[in-house]
């Protein structure tokens, strides 16, 4: 054991790195697999909010009064 301690340390490092890699690979696989359903729910929620937002924009026309917090729009020529 005293003669081959460097080889044992290298072997232990390789085993630990392999375990860490397999752990990260399995964890990312299950996280990706679990996020598919939540991602679908998030997309569905975003479409519902977009539909309600467009319905509100058509129902609420702006009045003729000027808002004090709104700045006048300016045209900027970017020269592109």
N, C-alpha and C. Protein backbone atom coordinates (compact mmCIF):
# COMPACT_ATOMS: atom_id res chain seq x y z
N UNK A 1 0.82 -1.19 0.00
CA UNK A 1 0.00 0.00 0.00
C UNK A 1 0.87 1.26 0.00
N UNK A 2 1.95 1.24 0.73
CA UNK A 2 2.79 2.43 0.82
C UNK A 2 3.51 2.71 -0.50
N UNK A 3 3.74 1.69 -1.28
CA UNK A 3 4.44 1.88 -2.54
C UNK A 3 3.52 2.43 -3.63
N UNK A 4 2.25 2.05 -3.58
CA UNK A 4 1.31 2.41 -4.65
C UNK A 4 0.28 3.45 -4.21
N UNK A 5 0.61 4.31 -3.26
CA UNK A 5 -0.38 5.26 -2.76
C UNK A 5 -0.82 6.24 -3.83
N UNK A 6 0.06 6.62 -4.72
CA UNK A 6 -0.32 7.55 -5.79
C UNK A 6 -1.32 6.91 -6.74
N UNK A 7 -1.13 5.64 -7.05
CA UNK A 7 -2.07 4.94 -7.93
C UNK A 7 -3.44 4.80 -7.25
N UNK A 8 -3.44 4.56 -5.95
CA UNK A 8 -4.71 4.45 -5.23
C UNK A 8 -5.44 5.79 -5.19
N UNK A 9 -4.71 6.86 -5.02
CA UNK A 9 -5.33 8.19 -5.01
C UNK A 9 -5.91 8.54 -6.38
N UNK A 10 -5.19 8.22 -7.43
CA UNK A 10 -5.70 8.47 -8.78
C UNK A 10 -6.93 7.63 -9.05
N UNK A 11 -6.91 6.37 -8.62
CA UNK A 11 -8.06 5.50 -8.80
C UNK A 11 -9.26 6.01 -8.00
N UNK A 12 -9.03 6.48 -6.78
CA UNK A 12 -10.12 7.03 -5.97
C UNK A 12 -10.69 8.30 -6.61
N UNK A 13 -9.82 9.13 -7.18
CA UNK A 13 -10.29 10.35 -7.85
C UNK A 13 -11.13 10.01 -9.08
N UNK A 14 -10.70 9.02 -9.84
CA UNK A 14 -11.47 8.61 -11.02
C UNK A 14 -12.83 8.06 -10.62
N UNK A 15 -12.87 7.26 -9.56
CA UNK A 15 -14.14 6.71 -9.09
C UNK A 15 -15.07 7.82 -8.61
N UNK A 16 -14.54 8.77 -7.85
CA UNK A 16 -15.37 9.88 -7.36
C UNK A 16 -15.87 10.75 -8.51
N UNK A 17 -15.03 11.01 -9.50
CA UNK A 17 -15.47 11.80 -10.65
C UNK A 17 -16.55 11.07 -11.45
N UNK A 18 -16.42 9.76 -11.57
CA UNK A 18 -17.43 8.97 -12.27
C UNK A 18 -18.76 9.01 -11.53
N UNK A 19 -18.72 8.88 -10.21
CA UNK A 19 -19.95 8.95 -9.41
C UNK A 19 -20.58 10.33 -9.54
N UNK A 20 -19.78 11.39 -9.48
CA UNK A 20 -20.32 12.75 -9.61
C UNK A 20 -20.94 12.97 -10.99
N UNK A 21 -20.29 12.47 -12.03
CA UNK A 21 -20.83 12.63 -13.38
C UNK A 21 -22.15 11.89 -13.53
N UNK A 22 -22.21 10.65 -13.04
CA UNK A 22 -23.45 9.88 -13.14
C UNK A 22 -24.57 10.53 -12.34
N UNK A 23 -24.25 11.07 -11.17
CA UNK A 23 -25.25 11.76 -10.36
C UNK A 23 -25.80 12.97 -11.10
N UNK A 24 -24.93 13.78 -11.67
CA UNK A 24 -25.38 14.98 -12.40
C UNK A 24 -26.18 14.60 -13.64
N UNK A 25 -25.78 13.55 -14.33
CA UNK A 25 -26.50 13.13 -15.53
C UNK A 25 -27.90 12.64 -15.19
N UNK A 26 -28.02 11.82 -14.16
CA UNK A 26 -29.34 11.31 -13.76
C UNK A 26 -30.21 12.44 -13.23
N UNK A 27 -29.61 13.34 -12.45
CA UNK A 27 -30.37 14.45 -11.88
C UNK A 27 -30.90 15.38 -12.98
N UNK A 28 -30.06 15.70 -13.96
CA UNK A 28 -30.51 16.59 -15.03
C UNK A 28 -31.57 15.90 -15.89
N UNK A 29 -31.46 14.59 -16.06
CA UNK A 29 -32.48 13.86 -16.83
C UNK A 29 -33.83 13.96 -16.14
N UNK A 30 -33.87 13.74 -14.84
CA UNK A 30 -35.15 13.80 -14.13
C UNK A 30 -35.66 15.22 -14.00
N UNK A 31 -34.77 16.21 -13.88
CA UNK A 31 -35.22 17.60 -13.81
C UNK A 31 -35.82 18.03 -15.15
N UNK A 32 -35.21 17.63 -16.25
CA UNK A 32 -35.73 17.97 -17.57
C UNK A 32 -37.06 17.26 -17.80
N UNK A 33 -37.15 16.03 -17.37
CA UNK A 33 -38.37 15.25 -17.55
C UNK A 33 -39.51 15.84 -16.71
N UNK A 34 -39.22 16.29 -15.51
CA UNK A 34 -40.24 16.87 -14.64
C UNK A 34 -40.66 18.25 -15.07
N UNK A 35 -39.79 18.99 -15.74
CA UNK A 35 -40.10 20.36 -16.14
C UNK A 35 -40.99 20.42 -17.38
N UNK A 36 -41.13 19.34 -18.11
CA UNK A 36 -41.96 19.37 -19.32
C UNK A 36 -43.41 19.68 -18.98
N UNK A 37 -43.93 19.07 -17.92
CA UNK A 37 -45.32 19.32 -17.56
C UNK A 37 -45.49 20.73 -17.01
N UNK A 38 -44.55 21.21 -16.21
CA UNK A 38 -44.66 22.56 -15.68
C UNK A 38 -44.46 23.59 -16.78
N UNK A 39 -43.63 23.29 -17.78
CA UNK A 39 -43.44 24.21 -18.89
C UNK A 39 -44.72 24.32 -19.71
N UNK A 40 -45.43 23.21 -19.89
CA UNK A 40 -46.70 23.24 -20.60
C UNK A 40 -47.72 24.06 -19.84
N UNK A 41 -47.74 23.94 -18.51
CA UNK A 41 -48.65 24.74 -17.70
C UNK A 41 -48.30 26.22 -17.79
N UNK A 42 -47.02 26.53 -17.84
CA UNK A 42 -46.59 27.92 -17.94
C UNK A 42 -46.99 28.53 -19.28
N UNK A 43 -46.87 27.77 -20.35
CA UNK A 43 -47.27 28.25 -21.68
C UNK A 43 -48.77 28.45 -21.73
N UNK A 44 -49.52 27.54 -21.12
CA UNK A 44 -50.97 27.67 -21.10
C UNK A 44 -51.38 28.90 -20.30
N UNK A 45 -50.72 29.15 -19.17
CA UNK A 45 -51.01 30.32 -18.36
C UNK A 45 -50.70 31.60 -19.13
N UNK A 46 -49.59 31.61 -19.86
CA UNK A 46 -49.22 32.79 -20.64
C UNK A 46 -50.24 33.07 -21.74
N UNK A 47 -50.77 32.02 -22.37
CA UNK A 47 -51.77 32.24 -23.42
C UNK A 47 -53.07 32.76 -22.83
N UNK A 48 -53.45 32.29 -21.64
CA UNK A 48 -54.67 32.80 -20.99
C UNK A 48 -54.51 34.26 -20.64
N UNK A 49 -53.34 34.63 -20.11
CA UNK A 49 -53.09 36.03 -19.76
C UNK A 49 -53.09 36.90 -21.01
N UNK A 50 -52.52 36.41 -22.10
CA UNK A 50 -52.49 37.18 -23.34
C UNK A 50 -53.90 37.38 -23.88
N UNK A 51 -54.74 36.37 -23.79
CA UNK A 51 -56.12 36.51 -24.26
C UNK A 51 -56.89 37.51 -23.41
N UNK A 52 -56.71 37.47 -22.10
CA UNK A 52 -57.39 38.43 -21.23
C UNK A 52 -56.86 39.84 -21.46
N UNK A 53 -55.57 39.95 -21.72
CA UNK A 53 -54.97 41.25 -21.95
C UNK A 53 -55.50 41.88 -23.24
N UNK A 54 -55.64 41.08 -24.29
CA UNK A 54 -56.17 41.62 -25.54
C UNK A 54 -57.64 41.99 -25.40
N UNK A 55 -58.39 41.24 -24.59
CA UNK A 55 -59.80 41.56 -24.36
C UNK A 55 -59.92 42.87 -23.60
N UNK A 56 -59.04 43.11 -22.64
CA UNK A 56 -59.08 44.35 -21.88
C UNK A 56 -58.70 45.54 -22.75
N UNK A 57 -57.78 45.36 -23.66
CA UNK A 57 -57.36 46.47 -24.52
C UNK A 57 -58.48 46.88 -25.46
N UNK A 58 -59.29 45.95 -25.91
CA UNK A 58 -60.39 46.31 -26.80
C UNK A 58 -61.55 46.92 -26.03
N UNK A 59 -61.70 46.60 -24.76
CA UNK A 59 -62.83 47.10 -23.98
C UNK A 59 -62.57 48.48 -23.40
N UNK A 60 -61.33 48.83 -23.14
CA UNK A 60 -61.03 50.08 -22.45
C UNK A 60 -60.33 51.06 -23.38
N UNK A 61 -61.09 51.90 -24.10
CA UNK A 61 -60.43 52.90 -24.95
C UNK A 61 -59.85 54.01 -24.07
N UNK A 62 -58.78 54.62 -24.53
CA UNK A 62 -58.16 55.71 -23.78
C UNK A 62 -58.98 56.97 -23.93
N UNK A 63 -59.05 57.73 -22.85
CA UNK A 63 -59.79 58.99 -22.90
C UNK A 63 -58.93 60.06 -23.58
N UNK A 64 -59.53 61.21 -23.85
CA UNK A 64 -58.83 62.28 -24.55
C UNK A 64 -57.89 63.07 -23.67
N UNK A 65 -57.91 62.84 -22.36
CA UNK A 65 -57.03 63.61 -21.47
C UNK A 65 -55.61 63.10 -21.57
N UNK A 66 -54.68 64.02 -21.45
CA UNK A 66 -53.27 63.65 -21.53
C UNK A 66 -52.78 63.28 -20.13
N UNK A 67 -52.06 62.16 -20.05
CA UNK A 67 -51.52 61.74 -18.77
C UNK A 67 -50.25 62.53 -18.47
N UNK A 68 -50.10 62.96 -17.22
CA UNK A 68 -48.93 63.77 -16.87
C UNK A 68 -47.65 62.94 -16.84
N UNK A 69 -47.76 61.63 -16.59
CA UNK A 69 -46.56 60.81 -16.51
C UNK A 69 -46.07 60.36 -17.89
N UNK A 70 -46.89 60.52 -18.90
CA UNK A 70 -46.50 60.06 -20.24
C UNK A 70 -45.71 61.15 -20.94
N UNK A 71 -44.58 60.80 -21.48
CA UNK A 71 -43.78 61.77 -22.21
C UNK A 71 -44.17 61.70 -23.69
N UNK A 72 -44.05 62.80 -24.41
CA UNK A 72 -44.40 62.76 -25.83
C UNK A 72 -43.44 61.87 -26.60
N UNK A 73 -43.97 61.20 -27.58
CA UNK A 73 -43.12 60.30 -28.36
C UNK A 73 -42.27 61.11 -29.33
N UNK A 74 -41.02 60.73 -29.43
CA UNK A 74 -40.11 61.40 -30.34
C UNK A 74 -39.62 60.40 -31.36
N UNK A 75 -39.32 60.89 -32.55
CA UNK A 75 -38.81 60.04 -33.61
C UNK A 75 -37.29 60.10 -33.58
N UNK A 76 -36.66 58.95 -33.53
CA UNK A 76 -35.20 58.88 -33.49
C UNK A 76 -34.73 58.23 -34.77
N UNK A 77 -33.87 58.93 -35.51
CA UNK A 77 -33.32 58.38 -36.74
C UNK A 77 -32.00 57.70 -36.40
N UNK A 78 -31.96 56.38 -36.56
CA UNK A 78 -30.76 55.63 -36.24
C UNK A 78 -29.76 55.61 -37.38
N UNK A 79 -30.18 56.01 -38.55
CA UNK A 79 -29.29 56.06 -39.69
C UNK A 79 -28.83 54.69 -40.16
N UNK A 80 -29.70 53.73 -40.06
CA UNK A 80 -29.33 52.37 -40.47
C UNK A 80 -29.66 52.17 -41.92
